[in-house]
Amino acid sequence: MRFNYTLISLALVATLSACGGSGSDSSDTETPTVGFSFAATDMITNLTDDVIVAGYADLAAQGDALLLATQTLLTSTSQADLVAAQNAWKAARQPWEQGESHIFGPVDSLSIDPHLDSWPLNTTDLQTQLANSSGFDADTIKGWNDDVQGFHTMEYLLFGDGINSNTKQIADLTTKEREYLIALAEVFRDYAVQLDDAWQVSYNPQDTNALPYAELLKTSGDANNAIYSSELAVIEELINGMIGIVDEVGNGKIADPFGESLATADTSKVESQYSWNSLTDFADNIIGVRNVYQGEFTGSTDKTGLIDFVAAADAELSTRVASEIEDAISKIQAISGTTDMPFRQAILDAEGRVRVQTAVDALSTLQASLESDVLPLLSEWNS
């Protein structure tokens, strides 16, 4: 959902007239300062290059590594090789989930999101493909439904059904599953490269004159920029991206399987349930919000982010939102408790459900601040 605000413009005119026959006094018209000032160009450039583009470049690199790890499984009998492929899947998952804080542009227009991350997985059709197909190849799989390719199909094949364990044995990985995995990983690598190219080479491969999408953000307001008419439009896109993923995690990914009560909890709705990677996914989603807000990945040199935009208007608010982001991440991670409980088990556990609700409350607080306090700053900014 997009929120539109109209920029506020105020003017004050005072006219003084003197009494008397030969002349009059007047004072200059003054326009008081309204709102706040902030030079956004460096921030937008930094967020584009060092957060968004860097994240998609990492995703493409992890896609290469995942393909190599699955290819090793073709004839392997080593459990270590399967564990390496599982870890490669998790490593690719991280930049993707963090990138959901800015899931706009090519990832949407090129339909890469459903290709890579459709949920729920159609396990019935997956088993049909395994039973009836052979000689799996990437081009063929790209023509199949999204719910039998992407992250979660690979997850199911690599980790098993996730009900009692997330540790599959290499001996249980059939020849067809290995072939399917390799083809799926190739499809994944291709889409990840396409997404990276869209940001760094051309956002429309069919148009030789199309710019990299990164340049569209960095040249917002230029006469030839048909997507972003101003820097304000870019910042609005970024803030709405943050709001969107906070809402999705709290009110969708967590709330849907959590249910209204223990009796209505539904583990079938838990995303990344086969690998037991759900809580890491959720935390990474909000870490992605932190990346955009702070303007850098954790541990990187301090650079300009949305926190600086907010601080220019309200220093106390900028600090509060940063604290709320950290609190939401911490509360999500705390759902596992002292026993490293997976999310699918936590929603069925009385104490686990208390921790889940605490995380949902923290996300609600953060969402309210972004919607009610941060987004309206756009109407106060003297851009």
Protein backbone atom coordinates (compact mmCIF):
# COMPACT_ATOMS: atom_id res chain seq x y z
CA MET A 1 0.00 0.00 0.00
CA ARG A 2 1.36 3.39 -0.93
CA PHE A 3 0.78 6.50 1.13
CA ASN A 4 0.59 9.90 -0.58
CA TYR A 5 1.15 13.13 1.22
CA THR A 6 0.93 16.68 -0.14
CA LEU A 7 3.85 19.00 0.58
CA ILE A 8 2.86 21.81 2.89
CA SER A 9 3.61 25.34 1.81
CA LEU A 10 2.98 28.27 4.10
CA ALA A 11 3.28 32.00 3.39
CA LEU A 12 3.00 34.97 5.66
CA VAL A 13 2.47 38.48 4.28
CA ALA A 14 2.43 41.53 6.49
CA THR A 15 1.65 45.01 5.21
CA LEU A 16 2.08 48.04 7.35
CA SER A 17 0.61 51.41 6.38
CA ALA A 18 1.53 54.64 8.08
CA CYS A 19 -0.88 57.47 8.84
CA GLY A 20 -0.02 60.92 7.53
CA GLY A 21 -0.18 62.92 4.43
CA SER A 22 3.11 62.67 2.67
CA GLY A 23 4.28 59.03 2.78
CA SER A 24 4.08 55.52 4.18
CA ASP A 25 6.35 52.92 5.80
CA SER A 26 6.52 49.31 4.64
CA SER A 27 8.35 46.20 5.73
CA ASP A 28 9.67 43.38 3.55
CA THR A 29 7.56 40.28 3.22
CA GLU A 30 9.13 37.40 5.16
CA THR A 31 8.54 33.66 4.76
CA PRO A 32 9.36 31.83 7.96
CA THR A 33 11.24 28.53 7.80
CA VAL A 34 8.86 25.58 7.72
CA GLY A 35 9.81 21.93 7.99
CA PHE A 36 13.43 20.81 7.71
CA SER A 37 16.23 20.69 5.20
CA PHE A 38 18.27 17.68 4.17
CA ALA A 39 20.53 17.06 1.17
CA ALA A 40 19.43 13.59 0.03
CA THR A 41 21.63 12.92 -3.00
CA ASP A 42 24.50 11.24 -1.16
CA MET A 43 22.10 9.18 0.91
CA ILE A 44 20.25 7.88 -2.15
CA THR A 45 23.53 7.08 -3.92
CA ASN A 46 24.85 5.25 -0.88
CA LEU A 47 21.70 3.24 -0.29
CA THR A 48 21.50 2.33 -3.96
CA ASP A 49 25.12 1.25 -4.39
CA ASP A 50 26.18 0.01 -0.96
CA VAL A 51 22.95 -1.60 0.23
CA ILE A 52 20.66 -2.54 -2.66
CA VAL A 53 23.13 -3.23 -5.48
CA ALA A 54 25.63 -4.79 -3.09
CA GLY A 55 22.92 -7.09 -1.76
CA TYR A 56 21.86 -8.28 -5.21
CA ALA A 57 25.48 -8.79 -6.23
CA ASP A 58 25.89 -10.98 -3.14
CA LEU A 59 22.73 -12.91 -4.06
CA ALA A 60 24.16 -13.63 -7.53
CA ALA A 61 27.45 -14.80 -6.01
CA GLN A 62 25.61 -17.04 -3.54
CA GLY A 63 23.61 -18.43 -6.46
CA ASP A 64 26.85 -19.53 -8.13
CA ALA A 65 28.02 -21.15 -4.90
CA LEU A 66 24.69 -22.96 -4.44
CA LEU A 67 24.82 -24.36 -7.97
CA LEU A 68 28.34 -25.69 -7.40
CA ALA A 69 27.30 -27.25 -4.08
CA THR A 70 24.32 -29.06 -5.63
CA GLN A 71 26.41 -30.28 -8.57
CA THR A 72 28.70 -31.97 -6.06
CA LEU A 73 25.73 -34.03 -4.87
CA LEU A 74 25.15 -35.76 -8.21
CA THR A 75 27.21 -38.84 -7.34
CA SER A 76 28.24 -38.08 -3.76
CA THR A 77 27.73 -40.41 -0.80
CA SER A 78 29.19 -37.92 1.67
CA GLN A 79 26.93 -36.41 4.32
CA ALA A 80 29.35 -33.49 4.47
CA ASP A 81 28.52 -32.65 0.85
CA LEU A 82 24.81 -32.53 1.65
CA VAL A 83 25.46 -30.33 4.68
CA ALA A 84 27.57 -28.04 2.48
CA ALA A 85 24.66 -27.74 0.02
CA GLN A 86 22.25 -27.03 2.88
CA ASN A 87 24.55 -24.29 4.15
CA ALA A 88 24.85 -22.86 0.64
CA TRP A 89 21.04 -22.66 0.50
CA LYS A 90 20.99 -20.79 3.82
CA ALA A 91 23.75 -18.47 2.64
CA ALA A 92 21.74 -17.57 -0.48
CA ARG A 93 18.64 -17.09 1.64
CA GLN A 94 20.24 -14.31 3.69
CA PRO A 95 20.71 -11.59 1.01
CA TRP A 96 17.32 -12.47 -0.44
CA GLU A 97 15.45 -12.08 2.85
CA GLN A 98 17.32 -8.90 3.76
CA GLY A 99 16.52 -7.58 0.29
CA GLU A 100 12.80 -7.86 0.96
CA SER A 101 13.07 -4.49 2.69
CA HIS A 102 13.42 -2.92 -0.77
CA ILE A 103 11.42 -5.31 -2.92
CA PHE A 104 10.61 -2.86 -5.72
CA GLY A 105 11.88 -2.29 -9.22
CA PRO A 106 13.14 -5.24 -11.32
CA VAL A 107 12.44 -7.88 -8.68
CA ASP A 108 8.78 -6.96 -9.16
CA SER A 109 8.62 -5.93 -12.83
CA LEU A 110 10.55 -9.02 -14.00
CA SER A 111 8.46 -11.33 -11.73
CA ILE A 112 11.62 -12.60 -10.08
CA ASP A 113 10.06 -12.67 -6.62
CA PRO A 114 7.50 -15.41 -7.43
CA HIS A 115 10.09 -17.32 -9.48
CA LEU A 116 12.46 -17.51 -6.52
CA ASP A 117 10.28 -17.41 -3.42
CA SER A 118 6.74 -18.68 -4.01
CA TRP A 119 5.12 -20.07 -0.87
CA PRO A 120 3.49 -22.40 -0.03
CA LEU A 121 5.26 -25.16 -1.90
CA ASN A 122 3.06 -27.51 -3.92
CA THR A 123 4.47 -30.79 -2.63
CA THR A 124 1.88 -32.82 -4.56
CA ASP A 125 2.97 -31.39 -7.91
CA LEU A 126 6.60 -31.65 -6.86
CA GLN A 127 6.22 -35.39 -6.27
CA THR A 128 4.41 -35.69 -9.61
CA GLN A 129 7.32 -34.01 -11.38
CA LEU A 130 9.76 -36.35 -9.68
CA ALA A 131 7.70 -39.38 -10.61
CA ASN A 132 6.99 -38.46 -14.23
CA SER A 133 9.98 -36.41 -15.35
CA SER A 134 13.62 -37.20 -15.95
CA GLY A 135 16.66 -35.46 -17.33
CA PHE A 136 15.72 -32.21 -15.57
CA ASP A 137 17.06 -29.05 -17.20
CA ALA A 138 16.85 -25.39 -16.30
CA ASP A 139 14.95 -24.23 -19.39
CA THR A 140 12.20 -26.79 -18.86
CA ILE A 141 11.80 -25.93 -15.18
CA LYS A 142 11.46 -22.23 -15.99
CA GLY A 143 8.26 -23.15 -17.82
CA TRP A 144 6.77 -24.90 -14.79
CA ASN A 145 4.63 -23.27 -12.13
CA ASP A 146 6.51 -21.12 -9.64
CA ASP A 147 5.37 -23.30 -6.73
CA VAL A 148 7.58 -26.21 -7.88
CA GLN A 149 10.76 -24.21 -8.28
CA GLY A 150 12.75 -21.65 -6.31
CA PHE A 151 13.95 -21.56 -2.73
CA HIS A 152 11.35 -23.78 -1.11
CA THR A 153 11.49 -26.61 -3.63
CA MET A 154 15.25 -26.78 -3.11
CA GLU A 155 14.68 -26.52 0.64
CA TYR A 156 12.31 -29.51 0.67
CA LEU A 157 14.71 -31.65 -1.36
CA LEU A 158 17.74 -30.66 0.72
CA PHE A 159 16.29 -30.82 4.24
CA GLY A 160 13.29 -33.16 4.12
CA ASP A 161 9.77 -32.46 5.39
CA GLY A 162 10.94 -30.67 8.56
CA ILE A 163 8.35 -32.31 10.80
CA ASN A 164 10.66 -34.09 13.23
CA SER A 165 14.05 -33.01 11.94
CA ASN A 166 15.76 -30.69 9.50
CA THR A 167 18.62 -33.10 8.93
CA LYS A 168 18.21 -35.24 5.83
CA GLN A 169 20.58 -38.11 5.17
CA ILE A 170 22.54 -38.26 1.92
CA ALA A 171 21.39 -41.86 1.44
CA ASP A 172 17.78 -40.62 1.31
CA LEU A 173 18.52 -38.25 -1.58
CA THR A 174 17.40 -40.07 -4.73
CA THR A 175 19.02 -39.73 -8.14
CA LYS A 176 16.03 -37.80 -9.48
CA GLU A 177 16.07 -35.47 -6.49
CA ARG A 178 19.75 -34.73 -7.09
CA GLU A 179 19.12 -34.00 -10.78
CA TYR A 180 16.13 -31.84 -9.95
CA LEU A 181 18.17 -29.94 -7.32
CA ILE A 182 20.95 -29.15 -9.77
CA ALA A 183 18.50 -27.87 -12.38
CA LEU A 184 16.65 -25.82 -9.76
CA ALA A 185 19.92 -24.29 -8.58
CA GLU A 186 20.77 -23.37 -12.16
CA VAL A 187 17.39 -21.67 -12.57
CA PHE A 188 17.95 -19.85 -9.30
CA ARG A 189 21.43 -18.73 -10.40
CA ASP A 190 20.04 -17.45 -13.72
CA TYR A 191 17.31 -15.36 -12.05
CA ALA A 192 19.74 -14.00 -9.46
CA VAL A 193 22.11 -12.91 -12.25
CA GLN A 194 19.20 -11.36 -14.16
CA LEU A 195 18.23 -9.35 -11.08
CA ASP A 196 21.81 -8.21 -10.50
CA ASP A 197 22.13 -7.20 -14.17
CA ALA A 198 18.85 -5.27 -14.03
CA TRP A 199 20.29 -3.05 -11.31
CA GLN A 200 23.79 -2.74 -12.75
CA VAL A 201 23.45 -3.11 -16.55
CA SER A 202 19.90 -2.54 -17.82
CA TYR A 203 16.56 -2.79 -16.08
CA ASN A 204 14.89 -3.78 -19.37
CA PRO A 205 16.92 -6.28 -21.44
CA GLN A 206 14.51 -5.75 -24.37
CA ASP A 207 15.41 -2.05 -24.57
CA THR A 208 19.00 -1.28 -25.56
CA ASN A 209 18.60 2.26 -24.25
CA ALA A 210 17.34 1.23 -20.81
CA LEU A 211 19.53 2.35 -17.93
CA PRO A 212 20.57 0.24 -14.97
CA TYR A 213 17.80 0.55 -12.40
CA ALA A 214 20.36 1.91 -9.95
CA GLU A 215 20.82 4.94 -12.18
CA LEU A 216 17.10 5.66 -12.09
CA LEU A 217 17.25 6.06 -8.33
CA LYS A 218 20.43 8.13 -8.47
CA THR A 219 19.12 10.43 -11.21
CA SER A 220 15.66 10.93 -9.75
CA GLY A 221 14.19 14.22 -10.86
CA ASP A 222 15.95 14.30 -14.22
CA ALA A 223 13.68 15.19 -17.11
CA ASN A 224 14.26 11.82 -18.79
CA ASN A 225 13.59 9.78 -15.67
CA ALA A 226 10.16 8.26 -16.28
CA ILE A 227 10.00 6.37 -12.97
CA TYR A 228 11.23 8.72 -10.23
CA SER A 229 10.19 12.34 -10.69
CA SER A 230 12.05 13.50 -7.59
CA GLU A 231 14.30 12.45 -4.74
CA LEU A 232 11.22 12.58 -2.56
CA ALA A 233 9.70 9.78 -4.68
CA VAL A 234 12.77 7.61 -4.05
CA ILE A 235 12.69 8.19 -0.31
CA GLU A 236 8.97 7.43 -0.26
CA GLU A 237 9.70 4.16 -2.08
CA LEU A 238 12.35 3.24 0.47
CA ILE A 239 10.21 4.05 3.52
CA ASN A 240 7.21 2.20 2.11
CA GLY A 241 9.47 -0.79 1.42
CA MET A 242 10.46 -0.85 5.08
CA ILE A 243 6.84 -0.54 6.20
CA GLY A 244 5.77 -3.29 3.82
CA ILE A 245 8.17 -5.93 5.10
CA VAL A 246 7.61 -5.07 8.78
CA ASP A 247 3.88 -5.49 8.16
CA GLU A 248 4.41 -8.75 6.25
CA VAL A 249 6.59 -10.29 8.95
CA GLY A 250 4.40 -9.28 11.88
CA ASN A 251 0.95 -9.62 10.35
CA GLY A 252 1.65 -12.34 7.80
CA LYS A 253 4.67 -14.57 8.18
CA ILE A 254 4.35 -14.77 11.95
CA ALA A 255 0.67 -14.03 12.61
CA ASP A 256 -0.84 -16.37 10.00
CA PRO A 257 0.62 -19.62 11.38
CA PHE A 258 0.47 -18.30 14.97
CA GLY A 259 -3.32 -18.04 14.83
CA GLU A 260 -5.63 -16.52 17.39
CA SER A 261 -4.93 -19.27 19.91
CA LEU A 262 -3.03 -22.51 20.37
CA ALA A 263 -6.04 -24.33 18.92
CA THR A 264 -5.85 -22.35 15.67
CA ALA A 265 -2.06 -22.45 15.20
CA ASP A 266 -1.20 -23.91 11.78
CA THR A 267 2.34 -25.15 11.13
CA SER A 268 1.54 -25.73 7.45
CA LYS A 269 1.66 -21.95 6.97
CA VAL A 270 5.18 -21.59 8.36
CA GLU A 271 7.59 -20.40 5.67
CA SER A 272 11.01 -22.11 5.56
CA GLN A 273 9.65 -24.85 7.81
CA TYR A 274 11.60 -27.68 6.15
CA SER A 275 14.98 -26.22 7.07
CA TRP A 276 13.81 -24.76 10.38
CA ASN A 277 15.20 -21.48 9.08
CA SER A 278 12.03 -19.44 9.71
CA LEU A 279 13.27 -17.31 12.60
CA THR A 280 16.48 -16.52 10.72
CA ASP A 281 14.35 -15.46 7.73
CA PHE A 282 12.18 -13.19 9.88
CA ALA A 283 15.16 -11.62 11.61
CA ASP A 284 16.90 -11.11 8.26
CA ASN A 285 13.82 -9.31 6.95
CA ILE A 286 14.12 -6.76 9.75
CA ILE A 287 17.92 -6.66 9.50
CA GLY A 288 17.20 -5.59 5.92
CA VAL A 289 15.12 -2.73 7.34
CA ARG A 290 18.08 -1.84 9.54
CA ASN A 291 20.41 -1.88 6.52
CA VAL A 292 18.25 0.69 4.73
CA TYR A 293 17.69 2.78 7.85
CA GLN A 294 21.35 2.87 8.87
CA GLY A 295 22.71 3.01 5.31
CA GLU A 296 25.12 0.12 5.67
CA PHE A 297 25.42 -3.55 6.49
CA THR A 298 26.30 -4.46 10.07
CA GLY A 299 29.98 -3.87 10.71
CA SER A 300 30.48 -1.60 7.71
CA THR A 301 31.83 1.93 7.84
CA ASP A 302 29.22 4.42 8.97
CA LYS A 303 27.47 5.90 5.93
CA THR A 304 24.40 8.00 5.30
CA GLY A 305 21.04 6.28 5.64
CA LEU A 306 17.44 7.12 6.32
CA ILE A 307 18.34 7.62 9.98
CA ASP A 308 20.10 10.81 8.91
CA PHE A 309 17.04 12.00 6.99
CA VAL A 310 14.89 11.42 10.08
CA ALA A 311 17.47 13.02 12.38
CA ALA A 312 17.42 16.19 10.29
CA ALA A 313 13.78 16.55 11.28
CA ASP A 314 13.74 14.97 14.75
CA ALA A 315 16.86 13.60 16.43
CA GLU A 316 14.89 11.90 19.18
CA LEU A 317 12.67 10.12 16.65
CA SER A 318 15.66 8.91 14.65
CA THR A 319 17.14 7.29 17.75
CA ARG A 320 13.82 5.81 18.84
CA VAL A 321 13.19 4.14 15.49
CA ALA A 322 16.72 2.72 15.46
CA SER A 323 16.06 1.27 18.92
CA GLU A 324 12.71 -0.17 17.83
CA ILE A 325 14.36 -1.90 14.86
CA GLU A 326 16.95 -3.49 17.14
CA ASP A 327 14.24 -4.49 19.60
CA ALA A 328 12.18 -6.19 16.89
CA ILE A 329 15.20 -8.16 15.67
CA SER A 330 16.06 -9.19 19.21
CA LYS A 331 12.51 -10.25 20.05
CA ILE A 332 12.27 -12.37 16.88
CA GLN A 333 15.53 -14.12 17.68
CA ALA A 334 14.36 -14.69 21.25
CA ILE A 335 11.40 -16.78 20.08
CA SER A 336 13.70 -19.82 20.00
CA GLY A 337 14.17 -19.56 23.77
CA THR A 338 16.94 -21.40 25.59
CA THR A 339 16.38 -24.65 23.70
CA ASP A 340 16.82 -23.30 20.15
CA MET A 341 13.17 -24.07 19.41
CA PRO A 342 12.16 -23.77 15.73
CA PHE A 343 9.29 -21.40 14.97
CA ARG A 344 6.99 -24.23 13.88
CA GLN A 345 7.35 -25.76 17.36
CA ALA A 346 7.22 -22.43 19.20
CA ILE A 347 3.70 -21.65 17.98
CA LEU A 348 2.55 -24.95 19.52
CA ASP A 349 4.27 -24.32 22.86
CA ALA A 350 2.65 -22.24 25.62
CA GLU A 351 5.82 -20.39 26.63
CA GLY A 352 6.91 -20.17 23.01
CA ARG A 353 3.66 -18.44 22.10
CA VAL A 354 4.31 -15.79 24.75
CA ARG A 355 7.66 -15.06 23.11
CA VAL A 356 6.00 -14.98 19.68
CA GLN A 357 3.44 -12.46 20.87
CA THR A 358 6.22 -10.30 22.33
CA ALA A 359 7.89 -10.23 18.91
CA VAL A 360 4.62 -9.38 17.17
CA ASP A 361 4.10 -6.49 19.60
CA ALA A 362 7.60 -5.16 18.90
CA LEU A 363 6.95 -5.30 15.16
CA SER A 364 3.64 -3.49 15.62
CA THR A 365 5.39 -0.73 17.54
CA LEU A 366 8.00 -0.35 14.79
CA GLN A 367 5.37 -0.35 12.05
CA ALA A 368 3.37 2.34 13.81
CA SER A 369 6.44 4.56 14.12
CA LEU A 370 7.34 4.17 10.46
CA GLU A 371 3.79 4.87 9.32
CA SER A 372 2.77 7.58 11.74
CA ASP A 373 6.05 9.35 12.48
CA VAL A 374 8.59 8.69 9.72
CA LEU A 375 6.52 8.66 6.53
CA PRO A 376 4.79 12.00 7.30
CA LEU A 377 8.22 13.67 7.41
CA LEU A 378 8.09 13.68 3.61
CA SER A 379 5.45 16.40 3.82
CA GLU A 380 7.72 18.50 6.03
CA TRP A 381 10.92 18.13 4.02
CA ASN A 382 12.13 21.14 2.10
CA SER A 383 13.45 19.04 -0.76
